[in-house]
């Protein structure tokens, strides 16, 4: 793709996200979502092949449907107060429809069907953008309207997302699909406390972006897309194996790693509001997540020795992809838990 065209596309995507995040006007927020969607669709079809085209088509159809539903809710809400500003809380029906449309954009269950397929049909870096950057704009809208969201409905969607994401990732062999189902689970955790304490949702979002970015960048070093390919990384990037293992364990929420901290805060927030059944189910579902993360760690680090690979690839193949972001990201995914007293004072 032409470098100038890439600059325009990425600038439009970033600008659309910022317009939505900083807007207090419903129409401008919707327009920012559309700018973001159209720019990212162009990124998905950058490589002209059937899988990328299929992924871009699925993404466009789902996102455009969600955008139409969102605009319908905005227009219906505008009939009553007659104002377009987000400062006025939408009526109950409009807020419910808006929440469903934004849940579809985020890929929360039961609207999660498109996330694994689109992620699988894209390269690693566009897949990373899909699971991280594309979450910012819808979450910013939900953050601004959190006081109007029905708590019971949001808790039901969040719990369903946690269950679907945990069960869906168990039998997968494609790394991008595993990370997509992991994203669905994290979306459920993230939205669980939105109506109780929205700042906790933002903190979980930041932690999730750090963990997912680290995992995708580590996989892109060797262009790993399947478990079998990941098991052969010993020959090329031996140093990456323990770091990748710690990142996966952190994504599973295992203490004393960084991923444990937001889950701990969310469980604490739910129990403060006398909600004890849901945290129990969430912890149980997290064990399923840990299972498929441990499966990746076992296959990559504990089953194949460096000398057992019979391929012609030479030992310690020189890496041609410098990634200066990986060392600081590894530190953030592993060692943030000691800062928990300071973080807890904020939330």
C-alpha atoms as a PDB file:
ATOM      1  CA  UNK A   1       0.000   0.000   0.000  1.00  0.00           C
ATOM      2  CA  UNK A   2       1.125   3.532  -0.748  1.00  0.00           C
ATOM      3  CA  UNK A   3       2.805   5.099   2.339  1.00  0.00           C
ATOM      4  CA  UNK A   4       0.729   8.261   1.930  1.00  0.00           C
ATOM      5  CA  UNK A   5      -2.462   6.199   1.831  1.00  0.00           C
ATOM      6  CA  UNK A   6      -1.364   4.342   4.972  1.00  0.00           C
ATOM      7  CA  UNK A   7      -0.720   7.658   6.718  1.00  0.00           C
ATOM      8  CA  UNK A   8      -4.193   8.910   5.811  1.00  0.00           C
ATOM      9  CA  UNK A   9      -5.870   5.660   6.903  1.00  0.00           C
ATOM     10  CA  UNK A  10      -4.100   5.404  10.264  1.00  0.00           C
ATOM     11  CA  UNK A  11      -4.598   9.125  10.926  1.00  0.00           C
ATOM     12  CA  UNK A  12      -8.314   8.757  10.223  1.00  0.00           C
ATOM     13  CA  UNK A  13      -8.558   5.769  12.554  1.00  0.00           C
ATOM     14  CA  UNK A  14      -6.790   7.616  15.377  1.00  0.00           C
ATOM     15  CA  UNK A  15      -8.762  10.819  14.763  1.00  0.00           C
ATOM     16  CA  UNK A  16     -12.072   8.935  14.813  1.00  0.00           C
ATOM     17  CA  UNK A  17     -11.234   7.369  18.162  1.00  0.00           C
ATOM     18  CA  UNK A  18     -10.271  10.722  19.670  1.00  0.00           C
ATOM     19  CA  UNK A  19     -13.390  12.438  18.308  1.00  0.00           C
ATOM     20  CA  UNK A  20     -15.587   9.793  19.926  1.00  0.00           C
ATOM     21  CA  UNK A  21     -13.666   9.759  23.199  1.00  0.00           C
ATOM     22  CA  UNK A  22     -13.609  13.549  23.627  1.00  0.00           C
ATOM     23  CA  UNK A  23     -17.083  14.331  22.320  1.00  0.00           C
ATOM     24  CA  UNK A  24     -20.099  15.186  24.476  1.00  0.00           C
ATOM     25  CA  UNK A  25     -22.431  15.265  21.451  1.00  0.00           C
ATOM     26  CA  UNK A  26     -24.129  12.078  20.303  1.00  0.00           C
ATOM     27  CA  UNK A  27     -23.824  12.811  16.583  1.00  0.00           C
ATOM     28  CA  UNK A  28     -20.108  13.616  16.787  1.00  0.00           C
ATOM     29  CA  UNK A  29     -19.507  10.454  18.821  1.00  0.00           C
ATOM     30  CA  UNK A  30     -21.339   8.402  16.190  1.00  0.00           C
ATOM     31  CA  UNK A  31     -19.400  10.114  13.369  1.00  0.00           C
ATOM     32  CA  UNK A  32     -16.120   9.292  15.118  1.00  0.00           C
ATOM     33  CA  UNK A  33     -17.151   5.642  15.315  1.00  0.00           C
ATOM     34  CA  UNK A  34     -17.864   5.637  11.583  1.00  0.00           C
ATOM     35  CA  UNK A  35     -14.506   7.217  10.742  1.00  0.00           C
ATOM     36  CA  UNK A  36     -12.789   4.624  12.894  1.00  0.00           C
ATOM     37  CA  UNK A  37     -14.708   1.739  11.325  1.00  0.00           C
ATOM     38  CA  UNK A  38     -14.081   2.745   7.703  1.00  0.00           C
ATOM     39  CA  UNK A  39     -10.376   3.358   8.297  1.00  0.00           C
ATOM     40  CA  UNK A  40      -9.900   0.032  10.061  1.00  0.00           C
ATOM     41  CA  UNK A  41     -11.774  -1.820   7.317  1.00  0.00           C
ATOM     42  CA  UNK A  42      -9.170  -0.469   4.888  1.00  0.00           C
ATOM     43  CA  UNK A  43      -6.407  -1.758   7.171  1.00  0.00           C
ATOM     44  CA  UNK A  44      -7.964  -5.234   7.185  1.00  0.00           C
ATOM     45  CA  UNK A  45      -7.933  -5.484   3.372  1.00  0.00           C
ATOM     46  CA  UNK A  46      -4.392  -4.152   3.008  1.00  0.00           C
ATOM     47  CA  UNK A  47      -3.251  -7.643   1.995  1.00  0.00           C
ATOM     48  CA  UNK A  48      -5.343  -8.639  -0.989  1.00  0.00           C
ATOM     49  CA  UNK A  49      -6.292 -12.252  -0.301  1.00  0.00           C
ATOM     50  CA  UNK A  50      -9.548 -14.090   0.239  1.00  0.00           C
ATOM     51  CA  UNK A  51      -9.162 -14.474   4.018  1.00  0.00           C
ATOM     52  CA  UNK A  52      -8.478 -10.782   4.608  1.00  0.00           C
ATOM     53  CA  UNK A  53     -11.359  -9.800   2.334  1.00  0.00           C
ATOM     54  CA  UNK A  54     -13.704 -12.151   4.183  1.00  0.00           C
ATOM     55  CA  UNK A  55     -12.556 -10.812   7.558  1.00  0.00           C
ATOM     56  CA  UNK A  56     -12.997  -7.204   6.416  1.00  0.00           C
ATOM     57  CA  UNK A  57     -16.472  -7.964   5.054  1.00  0.00           C
ATOM     58  CA  UNK A  58     -17.585  -9.599   8.307  1.00  0.00           C
ATOM     59  CA  UNK A  59     -16.162  -6.734  10.317  1.00  0.00           C
ATOM     60  CA  UNK A  60     -17.852  -4.108   8.140  1.00  0.00           C
ATOM     61  CA  UNK A  61     -21.263  -5.818   8.212  1.00  0.00           C
ATOM     62  CA  UNK A  62     -21.270  -6.268  11.996  1.00  0.00           C
ATOM     63  CA  UNK A  63     -19.965  -2.791  12.746  1.00  0.00           C
ATOM     64  CA  UNK A  64     -22.307  -1.063  10.294  1.00  0.00           C
ATOM     65  CA  UNK A  65     -25.275  -2.954  11.764  1.00  0.00           C
ATOM     66  CA  UNK A  66     -24.254  -1.893  15.265  1.00  0.00           C
ATOM     67  CA  UNK A  67     -23.830   1.702  14.062  1.00  0.00           C
ATOM     68  CA  UNK A  68     -27.336   1.731  12.569  1.00  0.00           C
ATOM     69  CA  UNK A  69     -28.800   0.379  15.811  1.00  0.00           C
ATOM     70  CA  UNK A  70     -26.880   2.991  17.788  1.00  0.00           C
ATOM     71  CA  UNK A  71     -28.113   5.827  15.553  1.00  0.00           C
ATOM     72  CA  UNK A  72     -31.680   4.525  15.851  1.00  0.00           C
ATOM     73  CA  UNK A  73     -31.376   4.665  19.647  1.00  0.00           C
ATOM     74  CA  UNK A  74     -29.875   8.165  19.486  1.00  0.00           C
ATOM     75  CA  UNK A  75     -32.732   9.410  17.268  1.00  0.00           C
ATOM     76  CA  UNK A  76     -35.337   7.777  19.513  1.00  0.00           C
ATOM     77  CA  UNK A  77     -33.768   9.380  22.570  1.00  0.00           C
ATOM     78  CA  UNK A  78     -33.724  12.759  20.799  1.00  0.00           C
ATOM     79  CA  UNK A  79     -37.523  12.684  20.488  1.00  0.00           C
ATOM     80  CA  UNK A  80     -38.018  13.197  24.224  1.00  0.00           C
ATOM     81  CA  UNK A  81     -35.514  15.710  25.667  1.00  0.00           C
ATOM     82  CA  UNK A  82     -34.801  17.202  22.242  1.00  0.00           C
ATOM     83  CA  UNK A  83     -31.075  17.493  22.918  1.00  0.00           C
ATOM     84  CA  UNK A  84     -28.042  15.736  21.457  1.00  0.00           C
ATOM     85  CA  UNK A  85     -25.681  16.180  24.400  1.00  0.00           C
ATOM     86  CA  UNK A  86     -24.472  13.213  26.425  1.00  0.00           C
ATOM     87  CA  UNK A  87     -24.820  15.216  29.634  1.00  0.00           C
ATOM     88  CA  UNK A  88     -28.554  14.452  29.601  1.00  0.00           C
ATOM     89  CA  UNK A  89     -29.085  10.835  30.538  1.00  0.00           C
ATOM     90  CA  UNK A  90     -30.932   8.882  27.819  1.00  0.00           C
ATOM     91  CA  UNK A  91     -34.254   7.282  28.637  1.00  0.00           C
ATOM     92  CA  UNK A  92     -34.342   3.659  29.720  1.00  0.00           C
ATOM     93  CA  UNK A  93     -35.225   2.087  26.357  1.00  0.00           C
ATOM     94  CA  UNK A  94     -32.696   4.181  24.433  1.00  0.00           C
ATOM     95  CA  UNK A  95     -29.970   3.368  26.950  1.00  0.00           C
ATOM     96  CA  UNK A  96     -30.722  -0.355  26.613  1.00  0.00           C
ATOM     97  CA  UNK A  97     -30.537  -0.255  22.801  1.00  0.00           C
ATOM     98  CA  UNK A  98     -27.346   1.827  22.925  1.00  0.00           C
ATOM     99  CA  UNK A  99     -25.763  -0.657  25.301  1.00  0.00           C
ATOM    100  CA  UNK A 100     -26.619  -3.575  23.003  1.00  0.00           C
ATOM    101  CA  UNK A 101     -25.179  -1.764  19.975  1.00  0.00           C
ATOM    102  CA  UNK A 102     -21.961  -0.921  21.818  1.00  0.00           C
ATOM    103  CA  UNK A 103     -21.729  -4.495  23.142  1.00  0.00           C
ATOM    104  CA  UNK A 104     -21.913  -5.680  19.526  1.00  0.00           C
ATOM    105  CA  UNK A 105     -19.095  -3.311  18.587  1.00  0.00           C
ATOM    106  CA  UNK A 106     -17.005  -4.586  21.510  1.00  0.00           C
ATOM    107  CA  UNK A 107     -17.650  -8.232  20.654  1.00  0.00           C
ATOM    108  CA  UNK A 108     -19.317  -9.103  23.953  1.00  0.00           C
ATOM    109  CA  UNK A 109     -21.504 -12.201  24.159  1.00  0.00           C
ATOM    110  CA  UNK A 110     -24.009 -12.971  22.736  1.00  0.00           C
ATOM    111  CA  UNK A 111     -22.669 -10.751  19.903  1.00  0.00           C
ATOM    112  CA  UNK A 112     -19.199 -12.287  20.008  1.00  0.00           C
ATOM    113  CA  UNK A 113     -19.500 -14.566  16.962  1.00  0.00           C
ATOM    114  CA  UNK A 114     -17.503 -12.291  14.651  1.00  0.00           C
ATOM    115  CA  UNK A 115     -14.472 -11.590  16.853  1.00  0.00           C
ATOM    116  CA  UNK A 116     -12.654 -14.984  16.501  1.00  0.00           C
ATOM    117  CA  UNK A 117     -13.316 -15.201  12.759  1.00  0.00           C
ATOM    118  CA  UNK A 118     -12.169 -11.672  11.974  1.00  0.00           C
ATOM    119  CA  UNK A 119      -9.084 -11.996  14.185  1.00  0.00           C
ATOM    120  CA  UNK A 120      -8.167 -15.298  12.541  1.00  0.00           C
ATOM    121  CA  UNK A 121      -8.434 -13.803   9.054  1.00  0.00           C
ATOM    122  CA  UNK A 122      -6.084 -10.879   9.740  1.00  0.00           C
ATOM    123  CA  UNK A 123      -2.302 -10.621  10.261  1.00  0.00           C
ATOM    124  CA  UNK A 124      -1.009 -10.268  13.801  1.00  0.00           C
ATOM    125  CA  UNK A 125      -0.634  -6.480  13.959  1.00  0.00           C
ATOM    126  CA  UNK A 126      -4.127  -5.670  12.563  1.00  0.00           C
ATOM    127  CA  UNK A 127      -5.418  -8.353  14.932  1.00  0.00           C
ATOM    128  CA  UNK A 128      -3.727  -6.499  17.780  1.00  0.00           C
ATOM    129  CA  UNK A 129      -5.427  -3.252  16.721  1.00  0.00           C
ATOM    130  CA  UNK A 130      -8.782  -5.031  16.522  1.00  0.00           C
ATOM    131  CA  UNK A 131      -8.512  -6.372  20.074  1.00  0.00           C
ATOM    132  CA  UNK A 132      -7.061  -3.227  21.666  1.00  0.00           C
ATOM    133  CA  UNK A 133      -7.416   0.108  19.856  1.00  0.00           C
ATOM    134  CA  UNK A 134     -10.867  -0.663  18.455  1.00  0.00           C
ATOM    135  CA  UNK A 135     -12.209  -1.100  21.997  1.00  0.00           C
ATOM    136  CA  UNK A 136     -11.405   2.461  23.059  1.00  0.00           C
ATOM    137  CA  UNK A 137     -14.178   4.387  21.293  1.00  0.00           C
ATOM    138  CA  UNK A 138     -17.150   2.175  22.334  1.00  0.00           C
ATOM    139  CA  UNK A 139     -15.879   1.944  25.912  1.00  0.00           C
ATOM    140  CA  UNK A 140     -15.514   5.734  26.086  1.00  0.00           C
ATOM    141  CA  UNK A 141     -19.204   6.104  25.163  1.00  0.00           C
ATOM    142  CA  UNK A 142     -20.251   3.521  27.752  1.00  0.00           C
ATOM    143  CA  UNK A 143     -18.090   5.317  30.304  1.00  0.00           C
ATOM    144  CA  UNK A 144     -19.960   8.579  29.682  1.00  0.00           C
ATOM    145  CA  UNK A 145     -23.414   6.987  29.920  1.00  0.00           C
ATOM    146  CA  UNK A 146     -22.679   4.518  32.742  1.00  0.00           C
ATOM    147  CA  UNK A 147     -25.254   6.079  35.092  1.00  0.00           C
ATOM    148  CA  UNK A 148     -28.045   5.276  32.595  1.00  0.00           C
ATOM    149  CA  UNK A 149     -27.060   1.644  31.968  1.00  0.00           C
ATOM    150  CA  UNK A 150     -29.213  -1.053  33.514  1.00  0.00           C
ATOM    151  CA  UNK A 151     -26.938  -2.836  35.984  1.00  0.00           C
ATOM    152  CA  UNK A 152     -28.657  -6.230  35.799  1.00  0.00           C
ATOM    153  CA  UNK A 153     -28.503  -6.348  31.993  1.00  0.00           C
ATOM    154  CA  UNK A 154     -24.851  -5.327  31.935  1.00  0.00           C
ATOM    155  CA  UNK A 155     -23.957  -7.933  34.566  1.00  0.00           C
ATOM    156  CA  UNK A 156     -25.754 -10.607  32.519  1.00  0.00           C
ATOM    157  CA  UNK A 157     -23.874  -9.642  29.335  1.00  0.00           C
ATOM    158  CA  UNK A 158     -20.578  -9.551  31.224  1.00  0.00           C
ATOM    159  CA  UNK A 159     -21.102 -12.948  32.826  1.00  0.00           C
ATOM    160  CA  UNK A 160     -22.138 -14.468  29.493  1.00  0.00           C
ATOM    161  CA  UNK A 161     -18.997 -13.020  27.875  1.00  0.00           C
ATOM    162  CA  UNK A 162     -16.786 -14.515  30.578  1.00  0.00           C
ATOM    163  CA  UNK A 163     -18.397 -17.932  30.153  1.00  0.00           C
ATOM    164  CA  UNK A 164     -18.384 -17.924  26.332  1.00  0.00           C
ATOM    165  CA  UNK A 165     -14.801 -16.701  26.141  1.00  0.00           C
ATOM    166  CA  UNK A 166     -13.571 -19.255  28.660  1.00  0.00           C
ATOM    167  CA  UNK A 167     -15.327 -22.213  27.042  1.00  0.00           C
ATOM    168  CA  UNK A 168     -14.609 -21.141  23.470  1.00  0.00           C
ATOM    169  CA  UNK A 169     -10.842 -21.014  23.867  1.00  0.00           C
ATOM    170  CA  UNK A 170     -10.441 -24.525  25.249  1.00  0.00           C
ATOM    171  CA  UNK A 171     -10.255 -26.508  21.998  1.00  0.00           C
ATOM    172  CA  UNK A 172      -8.489 -23.939  19.802  1.00  0.00           C
ATOM    173  CA  UNK A 173      -5.146 -24.508  18.100  1.00  0.00           C
ATOM    174  CA  UNK A 174      -4.909 -21.136  16.345  1.00  0.00           C
ATOM    175  CA  UNK A 175      -3.172 -18.547  18.520  1.00  0.00           C
ATOM    176  CA  UNK A 176      -5.184 -15.635  17.146  1.00  0.00           C
ATOM    177  CA  UNK A 177      -8.453 -17.380  17.981  1.00  0.00           C
ATOM    178  CA  UNK A 178      -7.195 -18.139  21.487  1.00  0.00           C
ATOM    179  CA  UNK A 179      -6.370 -14.470  22.012  1.00  0.00           C
ATOM    180  CA  UNK A 180      -9.745 -13.479  20.525  1.00  0.00           C
ATOM    181  CA  UNK A 181     -11.637 -15.660  22.998  1.00  0.00           C
ATOM    182  CA  UNK A 182      -9.386 -14.305  25.726  1.00  0.00           C
ATOM    183  CA  UNK A 183     -10.443 -10.806  24.649  1.00  0.00           C
ATOM    184  CA  UNK A 184     -14.112 -11.768  24.983  1.00  0.00           C
ATOM    185  CA  UNK A 185     -13.439 -12.954  28.532  1.00  0.00           C
ATOM    186  CA  UNK A 186     -11.561  -9.780  29.405  1.00  0.00           C
ATOM    187  CA  UNK A 187     -14.424  -7.670  28.030  1.00  0.00           C
ATOM    188  CA  UNK A 188     -16.742  -9.437  30.457  1.00  0.00           C
ATOM    189  CA  UNK A 189     -14.442  -8.714  33.393  1.00  0.00           C
ATOM    190  CA  UNK A 190     -14.003  -5.125  32.230  1.00  0.00           C
ATOM    191  CA  UNK A 191     -17.710  -4.309  32.014  1.00  0.00           C
ATOM    192  CA  UNK A 192     -18.593  -6.057  35.275  1.00  0.00           C
ATOM    193  CA  UNK A 193     -17.972  -2.987  37.442  1.00  0.00           C
ATOM    194  CA  UNK A 194     -18.822  -0.215  34.961  1.00  0.00           C
ATOM    195  CA  UNK A 195     -21.977   0.834  36.801  1.00  0.00           C
ATOM    196  CA  UNK A 196     -20.360   0.418  40.233  1.00  0.00           C
ATOM    197  CA  UNK A 197     -17.012   2.106  39.660  1.00  0.00           C
ATOM    198  CA  UNK A 198     -16.211   3.108  36.048  1.00  0.00           C
ATOM    199  CA  UNK A 199     -12.633   4.044  36.961  1.00  0.00           C
ATOM    200  CA  UNK A 200     -11.944   0.364  37.670  1.00  0.00           C
ATOM    201  CA  UNK A 201     -13.113  -0.415  34.125  1.00  0.00           C
ATOM    202  CA  UNK A 202     -10.609   2.088  32.718  1.00  0.00           C
ATOM    203  CA  UNK A 203      -7.814   0.592  34.829  1.00  0.00           C
ATOM    204  CA  UNK A 204      -8.691  -2.914  33.623  1.00  0.00           C
ATOM    205  CA  UNK A 205      -8.738  -1.626  30.035  1.00  0.00           C
ATOM    206  CA  UNK A 206      -5.223  -0.188  30.364  1.00  0.00           C
ATOM    207  CA  UNK A 207      -3.932  -3.422  31.918  1.00  0.00           C
ATOM    208  CA  UNK A 208      -5.636  -5.497  29.215  1.00  0.00           C
ATOM    209  CA  UNK A 209      -4.076  -3.376  26.447  1.00  0.00           C
ATOM    210  CA  UNK A 210      -0.600  -3.807  27.955  1.00  0.00           C
ATOM    211  CA  UNK A 211      -0.974  -7.592  28.300  1.00  0.00           C
ATOM    212  CA  UNK A 212      -2.486  -8.138  24.847  1.00  0.00           C
ATOM    213  CA  UNK A 213       0.065  -5.883  23.146  1.00  0.00           C
ATOM    214  CA  UNK A 214       2.908  -7.794  24.788  1.00  0.00           C
ATOM    215  CA  UNK A 215       1.485 -11.146  23.675  1.00  0.00           C
ATOM    216  CA  UNK A 216       0.912 -10.061  20.059  1.00  0.00           C
ATOM    217  CA  UNK A 217       4.317  -8.399  19.698  1.00  0.00           C
ATOM    218  CA  UNK A 218       6.021 -11.484  21.126  1.00  0.00           C
ATOM    219  CA  UNK A 219       4.183 -13.691  18.624  1.00  0.00           C
ATOM    220  CA  UNK A 220       4.982 -11.348  15.733  1.00  0.00           C
ATOM    221  CA  UNK A 221       8.730 -11.673  16.406  1.00  0.00           C
ATOM    222  CA  UNK A 222       8.588 -15.126  14.885  1.00  0.00           C
ATOM    223  CA  UNK A 223       5.273 -14.783  12.988  1.00  0.00           C
ATOM    224  CA  UNK A 224       3.693 -17.512  15.113  1.00  0.00           C
ATOM    225  CA  UNK A 225       0.041 -18.189  14.323  1.00  0.00           C
ATOM    226  CA  UNK A 226      -0.455 -21.792  15.526  1.00  0.00           C
ATOM    227  CA  UNK A 227       0.523 -23.790  18.577  1.00  0.00           C
ATOM    228  CA  UNK A 228       2.783 -25.988  16.431  1.00  0.00           C
ATOM    229  CA  UNK A 229       4.692 -22.968  15.144  1.00  0.00           C
ATOM    230  CA  UNK A 230       5.004 -21.620  18.675  1.00  0.00           C
ATOM    231  CA  UNK A 231       6.508 -24.910  19.846  1.00  0.00           C
ATOM    232  CA  UNK A 232       9.428 -24.428  17.425  1.00  0.00           C
ATOM    233  CA  UNK A 233      10.402 -21.022  18.770  1.00  0.00           C
ATOM    234  CA  UNK A 234      13.121 -22.650  20.894  1.00  0.00           C
ATOM    235  CA  UNK A 235      15.359 -22.761  17.831  1.00  0.00           C
ATOM    236  CA  UNK A 236      15.134 -19.057  17.151  1.00  0.00           C
ATOM    237  CA  UNK A 237      14.252 -17.074  20.269  1.00  0.00           C
ATOM    238  CA  UNK A 238      15.106 -19.046  23.378  1.00  0.00           C
ATOM    239  CA  UNK A 239      15.012 -15.936  25.555  1.00  0.00           C
ATOM    240  CA  UNK A 240      11.402 -15.296  24.560  1.00  0.00           C
ATOM    241  CA  UNK A 241      10.011 -18.491  26.072  1.00  0.00           C
ATOM    242  CA  UNK A 242      10.100 -17.588  29.796  1.00  0.00           C
ATOM    243  CA  UNK A 243       8.948 -14.056  29.007  1.00  0.00           C
ATOM    244  CA  UNK A 244       6.045 -15.321  26.907  1.00  0.00           C
ATOM    245  CA  UNK A 245       5.140 -17.763  29.677  1.00  0.00           C
ATOM    246  CA  UNK A 246       5.014 -14.999  32.283  1.00  0.00           C
ATOM    247  CA  UNK A 247       2.870 -12.872  29.955  1.00  0.00           C
ATOM    248  CA  UNK A 248       0.362 -15.692  29.438  1.00  0.00           C
ATOM    249  CA  UNK A 249       0.186 -16.379  33.171  1.00  0.00           C
ATOM    250  CA  UNK A 250      -0.382 -12.681  33.777  1.00  0.00           C
ATOM    251  CA  UNK A 251      -3.214 -12.680  31.224  1.00  0.00           C
ATOM    252  CA  UNK A 252      -4.746 -15.547  33.171  1.00  0.00           C
ATOM    253  CA  UNK A 253      -4.691 -13.472  36.354  1.00  0.00           C
ATOM    254  CA  UNK A 254      -2.233 -15.583  38.311  1.00  0.00           C
ATOM    255  CA  UNK A 255      -0.625 -13.843  41.312  1.00  0.00           C
ATOM    256  CA  UNK A 256       1.864 -12.289  41.856  1.00  0.00           C
ATOM    257  CA  UNK A 257       1.776 -11.012  38.248  1.00  0.00           C
ATOM    258  CA  UNK A 258       0.211  -7.794  36.969  1.00  0.00           C
ATOM    259  CA  UNK A 259      -2.935  -9.419  35.554  1.00  0.00           C
ATOM    260  CA  UNK A 260      -4.021 -10.467  39.037  1.00  0.00           C
ATOM    261  CA  UNK A 261      -4.392  -6.865  40.242  1.00  0.00           C
ATOM    262  CA  UNK A 262      -7.404  -5.696  38.155  1.00  0.00           C
ATOM    263  CA  UNK A 263      -9.245  -8.968  38.782  1.00  0.00           C
ATOM    264  CA  UNK A 264      -8.613  -8.559  42.498  1.00  0.00           C
ATOM    265  CA  UNK A 265      -9.998  -4.994  42.436  1.00  0.00           C
ATOM    266  CA  UNK A 266     -13.088  -6.082  40.465  1.00  0.00           C
ATOM    267  CA  UNK A 267     -13.864  -8.924  42.879  1.00  0.00           C
ATOM    268  CA  UNK A 268     -13.414  -6.504  45.772  1.00  0.00           C
ATOM    269  CA  UNK A 269     -15.788  -4.016  44.114  1.00  0.00           C
ATOM    270  CA  UNK A 270     -18.452  -6.667  43.531  1.00  0.00           C
ATOM    271  CA  UNK A 271     -18.290  -7.958  47.096  1.00  0.00           C
ATOM    272  CA  UNK A 272     -18.607  -4.376  48.375  1.00  0.00           C
ATOM    273  CA  UNK A 273     -21.968  -4.271  46.604  1.00  0.00           C
ATOM    274  CA  UNK A 274     -23.097  -7.557  48.222  1.00  0.00           C
ATOM    275  CA  UNK A 275     -22.614  -9.548  45.045  1.00  0.00           C
ATOM    276  CA  UNK A 276     -21.002 -12.846  46.027  1.00  0.00           C
ATOM    277  CA  UNK A 277     -22.333 -15.377  43.514  1.00  0.00           C
ATOM    278  CA  UNK A 278     -20.914 -13.720  40.393  1.00  0.00           C
ATOM    279  CA  UNK A 279     -17.331 -13.422  41.716  1.00  0.00           C
ATOM    280  CA  UNK A 280     -17.422 -17.145  42.516  1.00  0.00           C
ATOM    281  CA  UNK A 281     -18.519 -18.012  38.966  1.00  0.00           C
ATOM    282  CA  UNK A 282     -15.960 -15.598  37.510  1.00  0.00           C
ATOM    283  CA  UNK A 283     -13.113 -17.188  39.461  1.00  0.00           C
ATOM    284  CA  UNK A 284     -14.246 -20.636  38.289  1.00  0.00           C
ATOM    285  CA  UNK A 285     -14.275 -19.486  34.659  1.00  0.00           C
ATOM    286  CA  UNK A 286     -10.810 -17.982  35.128  1.00  0.00           C
ATOM    287  CA  UNK A 287      -9.547 -21.497  35.843  1.00  0.00           C
ATOM    288  CA  UNK A 288     -10.640 -22.478  32.328  1.00  0.00           C
ATOM    289  CA  UNK A 289      -8.705 -19.514  30.956  1.00  0.00           C
ATOM    290  CA  UNK A 290      -5.660 -20.568  32.920  1.00  0.00           C
ATOM    291  CA  UNK A 291      -6.001 -24.051  31.455  1.00  0.00           C
ATOM    292  CA  UNK A 292      -5.557 -22.991  27.834  1.00  0.00           C
ATOM    293  CA  UNK A 293      -2.810 -20.557  28.794  1.00  0.00           C
ATOM    294  CA  UNK A 294      -1.015 -23.350  30.647  1.00  0.00           C
ATOM    295  CA  UNK A 295      -1.502 -25.574  27.612  1.00  0.00           C
ATOM    296  CA  UNK A 296       0.397 -23.036  25.498  1.00  0.00           C
ATOM    297  CA  UNK A 297       3.132 -22.763  28.116  1.00  0.00           C
ATOM    298  CA  UNK A 298       3.439 -26.544  28.405  1.00  0.00           C
ATOM    299  CA  UNK A 299       3.684 -27.071  24.647  1.00  0.00           C
ATOM    300  CA  UNK A 300       6.201 -24.286  24.103  1.00  0.00           C
ATOM    301  CA  UNK A 301       8.417 -24.652  27.162  1.00  0.00           C
ATOM    302  CA  UNK A 302       8.142 -28.156  28.560  1.00  0.00           C
ATOM    303  CA  UNK A 303       7.656 -30.679  25.759  1.00  0.00           C
ATOM    304  CA  UNK A 304      10.315 -29.971  23.118  1.00  0.00           C
ATOM    305  CA  UNK A 305      14.000 -29.570  23.840  1.00  0.00           C
ATOM    306  CA  UNK A 306      16.093 -27.371  21.556  1.00  0.00           C
ATOM    307  CA  UNK A 307      17.851 -30.411  20.091  1.00  0.00           C
ATOM    308  CA  UNK A 308      14.661 -32.317  19.330  1.00  0.00           C
ATOM    309  CA  UNK A 309      13.686 -30.210  16.330  1.00  0.00           C
ATOM    310  CA  UNK A 310      14.582 -32.029  13.112  1.00  0.00           C
ATOM    311  CA  UNK A 311      13.974 -29.112  10.789  1.00  0.00           C
ATOM    312  CA  UNK A 312      16.788 -27.544   8.787  1.00  0.00           C
ATOM    313  CA  UNK A 313      16.437 -24.202  10.568  1.00  0.00           C
ATOM    314  CA  UNK A 314      19.727 -23.352  12.207  1.00  0.00           C
ATOM    315  CA  UNK A 315      20.045 -22.953  15.956  1.00  0.00           C
ATOM    316  CA  UNK A 316      19.618 -19.394  17.267  1.00  0.00           C
ATOM    317  CA  UNK A 317      18.468 -17.983  13.951  1.00  0.00           C
ATOM    318  CA  UNK A 318      19.174 -14.275  13.820  1.00  0.00           C
ATOM    319  CA  UNK A 319      16.111 -12.190  14.472  1.00  0.00           C
ATOM    320  CA  UNK A 320      15.451  -9.510  11.862  1.00  0.00           C
ATOM    321  CA  UNK A 321      12.567  -7.773  13.676  1.00  0.00           C
ATOM    322  CA  UNK A 322      13.810  -5.402  16.368  1.00  0.00           C
ATOM    323  CA  UNK A 323      11.126  -4.790  18.976  1.00  0.00           C
ATOM    324  CA  UNK A 324      12.282  -2.154  21.483  1.00  0.00           C
ATOM    325  CA  UNK A 325       8.834  -2.107  23.098  1.00  0.00           C
ATOM    326  CA  UNK A 326       8.966  -5.700  24.321  1.00  0.00           C
ATOM    327  CA  UNK A 327      11.371  -5.284  27.329  1.00  0.00           C
ATOM    328  CA  UNK A 328       9.382  -2.460  29.001  1.00  0.00           C
ATOM    329  CA  UNK A 329       6.098  -4.211  28.223  1.00  0.00           C
ATOM    330  CA  UNK A 330       7.377  -7.446  29.783  1.00  0.00           C
ATOM    331  CA  UNK A 331       8.267  -5.495  32.926  1.00  0.00           C
ATOM    332  CA  UNK A 332       4.788  -3.948  33.026  1.00  0.00           C
ATOM    333  CA  UNK A 333       3.063  -7.311  32.571  1.00  0.00           C
ATOM    334  CA  UNK A 334       5.067  -8.909  35.361  1.00  0.00           C
ATOM    335  CA  UNK A 335       6.029  -6.467  38.092  1.00  0.00           C
ATOM    336  CA  UNK A 336       3.154  -4.007  38.617  1.00  0.00           C
ATOM    337  CA  UNK A 337       1.623  -5.871  41.557  1.00  0.00           C
ATOM    338  CA  UNK A 338       3.952  -4.244  44.156  1.00  0.00           C
ATOM    339  CA  UNK A 339       2.376  -0.918  43.165  1.00  0.00           C
ATOM    340  CA  UNK A 340      -1.070  -2.166  44.197  1.00  0.00           C
ATOM    341  CA  UNK A 341      -1.271  -0.056  47.420  1.00  0.00           C
ATOM    342  CA  UNK A 342      -0.811   3.109  45.364  1.00  0.00           C
ATOM    343  CA  UNK A 343      -3.258   1.962  42.674  1.00  0.00           C
ATOM    344  CA  UNK A 344      -5.882   0.982  45.258  1.00  0.00           C
ATOM    345  CA  UNK A 345      -5.802   4.476  46.743  1.00  0.00           C
ATOM    346  CA  UNK A 346      -6.774   5.837  43.318  1.00  0.00           C
ATOM    347  CA  UNK A 347      -9.748   3.536  42.832  1.00  0.00           C
END
